[in-house]
Amino acid sequence: MFKKQGGKMTGKHKLIRYAPKATVFDSEAASFASQLDAVATALYSKTGSVLLQAAYRQGLTEGIILLLTDGVYSEDFVK
């Protein structure tokens, strides 16, 4: 339906993977650095919050809709 209404998916085959014990995600966050309307993510609360903070600090989330899964559902996620 999205495509039928003129939507375009970019990078749908470009998965961004990271080391499970990583604590810095600046290079992964750089994947936001393109002309996107939205980013769909599958994250967990501990690592996902660090990834999104890195993207935010780099100014990469402004004007982008973030679609998050229930894996980030945690009161600690927003801290």
N, C-alpha and C. Protein backbone atom coordinates (compact mmCIF):
# COMPACT_ATOMS: atom_id res chain seq x y z
N MET A 1 0.82 -1.19 0.00
CA MET A 1 0.00 0.00 0.00
C MET A 1 0.87 1.26 0.00
N PHE A 2 1.93 1.24 0.76
CA PHE A 2 2.83 2.40 0.84
C PHE A 2 3.38 2.76 -0.54
N LYS A 3 3.86 1.75 -1.25
CA LYS A 3 4.40 1.98 -2.59
C LYS A 3 3.32 2.41 -3.58
N LYS A 4 2.14 1.83 -3.45
CA LYS A 4 1.05 2.17 -4.35
C LYS A 4 0.64 3.63 -4.20
N GLN A 5 0.86 4.19 -3.02
CA GLN A 5 0.51 5.58 -2.77
C GLN A 5 1.67 6.53 -3.05
N GLY A 6 2.71 6.02 -3.71
CA GLY A 6 3.82 6.87 -4.11
C GLY A 6 5.00 6.86 -3.15
N GLY A 7 4.93 6.04 -2.12
CA GLY A 7 6.04 5.96 -1.16
C GLY A 7 7.23 5.24 -1.75
N LYS A 8 8.40 5.58 -1.27
CA LYS A 8 9.63 4.97 -1.77
C LYS A 8 10.45 4.49 -0.58
N MET A 9 10.88 3.24 -0.63
CA MET A 9 11.72 2.68 0.42
C MET A 9 13.17 2.71 -0.05
N THR A 10 14.03 3.31 0.75
CA THR A 10 15.45 3.32 0.43
C THR A 10 16.19 2.51 1.48
N GLY A 11 17.18 1.78 1.06
CA GLY A 11 17.99 1.02 2.00
C GLY A 11 17.28 -0.15 2.65
N LYS A 12 16.22 -0.65 2.04
CA LYS A 12 15.48 -1.74 2.69
C LYS A 12 16.30 -3.01 2.81
N HIS A 13 17.36 -3.13 2.01
CA HIS A 13 18.23 -4.29 2.11
C HIS A 13 19.54 -3.97 2.82
N LYS A 14 19.65 -2.75 3.32
CA LYS A 14 20.87 -2.31 4.00
C LYS A 14 20.63 -2.37 5.51
N LEU A 15 20.96 -3.48 6.10
CA LEU A 15 20.80 -3.64 7.53
C LEU A 15 22.02 -3.07 8.25
N ILE A 16 21.79 -2.39 9.33
CA ILE A 16 22.88 -1.86 10.14
C ILE A 16 23.00 -2.75 11.37
N ARG A 17 24.06 -3.50 11.45
CA ARG A 17 24.28 -4.39 12.59
C ARG A 17 25.36 -3.80 13.48
N TYR A 18 25.30 -4.14 14.76
CA TYR A 18 26.31 -3.65 15.69
C TYR A 18 26.66 -4.74 16.68
N ALA A 19 27.84 -4.59 17.26
CA ALA A 19 28.30 -5.57 18.25
C ALA A 19 27.41 -5.50 19.48
N PRO A 20 26.93 -6.63 19.97
CA PRO A 20 26.00 -6.64 21.11
C PRO A 20 26.55 -5.96 22.37
N LYS A 21 27.86 -5.95 22.55
CA LYS A 21 28.43 -5.34 23.75
C LYS A 21 29.01 -3.95 23.48
N ALA A 22 28.72 -3.39 22.33
CA ALA A 22 29.23 -2.06 21.99
C ALA A 22 28.63 -1.01 22.92
N THR A 23 29.38 0.05 23.15
CA THR A 23 28.91 1.14 23.99
C THR A 23 28.88 2.47 23.25
N VAL A 24 29.45 2.51 22.05
CA VAL A 24 29.47 3.71 21.22
C VAL A 24 28.89 3.34 19.85
N PHE A 25 27.97 4.16 19.36
CA PHE A 25 27.28 3.85 18.11
C PHE A 25 27.31 5.01 17.12
N ASP A 26 28.35 5.84 17.18
CA ASP A 26 28.41 7.00 16.30
C ASP A 26 28.41 6.62 14.81
N SER A 27 29.19 5.60 14.44
CA SER A 27 29.23 5.23 13.02
C SER A 27 27.91 4.60 12.57
N GLU A 28 27.28 3.83 13.43
CA GLU A 28 25.97 3.25 13.08
C GLU A 28 24.91 4.36 12.95
N ALA A 29 25.01 5.35 13.82
CA ALA A 29 24.05 6.46 13.76
C ALA A 29 24.19 7.25 12.47
N ALA A 30 25.37 7.25 11.90
CA ALA A 30 25.60 7.98 10.64
C ALA A 30 24.74 7.44 9.51
N SER A 31 24.18 6.25 9.67
CA SER A 31 23.31 5.69 8.64
C SER A 31 22.04 6.53 8.47
N PHE A 32 21.74 7.38 9.46
CA PHE A 32 20.60 8.29 9.36
C PHE A 32 20.90 9.45 8.41
N ALA A 33 22.17 9.63 8.07
CA ALA A 33 22.62 10.81 7.33
C ALA A 33 22.29 10.72 5.85
N SER A 34 21.05 10.66 5.54
CA SER A 34 20.62 10.75 4.15
C SER A 34 19.24 11.40 4.16
N GLN A 35 18.72 11.65 3.01
CA GLN A 35 17.45 12.37 2.95
C GLN A 35 16.29 11.39 3.14
N LEU A 36 15.96 11.16 4.38
CA LEU A 36 14.91 10.22 4.74
C LEU A 36 13.74 10.94 5.38
N ASP A 37 12.57 10.39 5.23
CA ASP A 37 11.40 10.89 5.93
C ASP A 37 11.19 10.14 7.23
N ALA A 38 11.59 8.86 7.24
CA ALA A 38 11.38 8.01 8.41
C ALA A 38 12.43 6.91 8.46
N VAL A 39 12.67 6.40 9.66
CA VAL A 39 13.58 5.29 9.87
C VAL A 39 12.85 4.25 10.71
N ALA A 40 12.81 3.01 10.23
CA ALA A 40 12.21 1.91 10.98
C ALA A 40 13.35 1.15 11.66
N THR A 41 13.20 0.92 12.95
CA THR A 41 14.27 0.28 13.71
C THR A 41 13.75 -0.89 14.52
N ALA A 42 14.62 -1.83 14.78
CA ALA A 42 14.34 -2.92 15.71
C ALA A 42 15.46 -2.86 16.74
N LEU A 43 15.16 -2.29 17.88
CA LEU A 43 16.17 -2.01 18.91
C LEU A 43 15.75 -2.58 20.25
N TYR A 44 16.70 -2.66 21.15
CA TYR A 44 16.43 -2.97 22.55
C TYR A 44 16.68 -1.71 23.36
N SER A 45 16.12 -1.62 24.53
CA SER A 45 16.17 -0.37 25.28
C SER A 45 17.57 0.10 25.62
N LYS A 46 18.45 -0.77 26.07
CA LYS A 46 19.80 -0.33 26.48
C LYS A 46 20.63 0.15 25.29
N THR A 47 20.76 -0.65 24.27
CA THR A 47 21.59 -0.26 23.14
C THR A 47 20.87 0.71 22.20
N GLY A 48 19.58 0.55 22.07
CA GLY A 48 18.81 1.42 21.19
C GLY A 48 18.83 2.87 21.62
N SER A 49 18.76 3.10 22.91
CA SER A 49 18.79 4.47 23.40
C SER A 49 20.14 5.12 23.10
N VAL A 50 21.22 4.36 23.21
CA VAL A 50 22.55 4.90 22.92
C VAL A 50 22.69 5.22 21.43
N LEU A 51 22.16 4.35 20.58
CA LEU A 51 22.20 4.59 19.14
C LEU A 51 21.43 5.85 18.77
N LEU A 52 20.22 5.99 19.29
CA LEU A 52 19.42 7.16 18.97
C LEU A 52 20.00 8.43 19.56
N GLN A 53 20.63 8.35 20.73
CA GLN A 53 21.30 9.52 21.30
C GLN A 53 22.45 9.96 20.41
N ALA A 54 23.19 9.00 19.87
CA ALA A 54 24.30 9.33 18.97
C ALA A 54 23.78 10.02 17.71
N ALA A 55 22.71 9.52 17.15
CA ALA A 55 22.12 10.14 15.96
C ALA A 55 21.63 11.55 16.28
N TYR A 56 21.01 11.71 17.44
CA TYR A 56 20.51 13.02 17.86
C TYR A 56 21.66 14.01 18.04
N ARG A 57 22.73 13.59 18.72
CA ARG A 57 23.88 14.48 18.95
C ARG A 57 24.52 14.92 17.64
N GLN A 58 24.46 14.09 16.63
CA GLN A 58 25.02 14.42 15.33
C GLN A 58 24.05 15.23 14.47
N GLY A 59 22.87 15.52 15.02
CA GLY A 59 21.87 16.30 14.29
C GLY A 59 21.20 15.53 13.17
N LEU A 60 21.17 14.21 13.29
CA LEU A 60 20.67 13.37 12.21
C LEU A 60 19.20 12.98 12.35
N THR A 61 18.58 13.33 13.45
CA THR A 61 17.19 12.91 13.66
C THR A 61 16.19 14.03 13.40
N GLU A 62 16.66 15.21 13.17
CA GLU A 62 15.75 16.34 12.99
C GLU A 62 14.89 16.15 11.74
N GLY A 63 13.59 16.20 11.94
CA GLY A 63 12.65 16.06 10.83
C GLY A 63 12.43 14.63 10.37
N ILE A 64 12.99 13.66 11.08
CA ILE A 64 12.83 12.25 10.70
C ILE A 64 11.88 11.55 11.66
N ILE A 65 10.93 10.84 11.13
CA ILE A 65 10.01 10.03 11.93
C ILE A 65 10.74 8.75 12.31
N LEU A 66 10.75 8.42 13.59
CA LEU A 66 11.38 7.18 14.06
C LEU A 66 10.29 6.17 14.40
N LEU A 67 10.36 5.02 13.77
CA LEU A 67 9.42 3.94 14.03
C LEU A 67 10.14 2.92 14.90
N LEU A 68 9.69 2.76 16.12
CA LEU A 68 10.35 1.89 17.09
C LEU A 68 9.49 0.68 17.41
N THR A 69 10.15 -0.42 17.74
CA THR A 69 9.44 -1.64 18.13
C THR A 69 9.25 -1.66 19.64
N ASP A 70 8.52 -2.65 20.13
CA ASP A 70 8.27 -2.74 21.56
C ASP A 70 9.51 -3.14 22.36
N GLY A 71 10.60 -3.48 21.69
CA GLY A 71 11.84 -3.81 22.38
C GLY A 71 12.42 -2.63 23.15
N VAL A 72 12.00 -1.42 22.80
CA VAL A 72 12.49 -0.23 23.49
C VAL A 72 11.51 0.26 24.56
N TYR A 73 10.43 -0.47 24.75
CA TYR A 73 9.43 -0.05 25.73
C TYR A 73 9.99 -0.23 27.14
N SER A 74 10.44 0.87 27.70
CA SER A 74 11.04 0.85 29.03
C SER A 74 11.09 2.28 29.53
N GLU A 75 10.86 2.47 30.81
CA GLU A 75 10.98 3.80 31.39
C GLU A 75 12.42 4.33 31.28
N ASP A 76 13.39 3.42 31.28
CA ASP A 76 14.78 3.82 31.19
C ASP A 76 15.19 4.28 29.80
N PHE A 77 14.40 3.95 28.79
CA PHE A 77 14.77 4.27 27.42
C PHE A 77 14.94 5.77 27.19
N VAL A 78 14.12 6.57 27.82
CA VAL A 78 14.15 8.00 27.58
C VAL A 78 15.15 8.75 28.48
N LYS A 79 15.84 8.06 29.34
CA LYS A 79 16.78 8.73 30.24
C LYS A 79 18.09 9.02 29.57
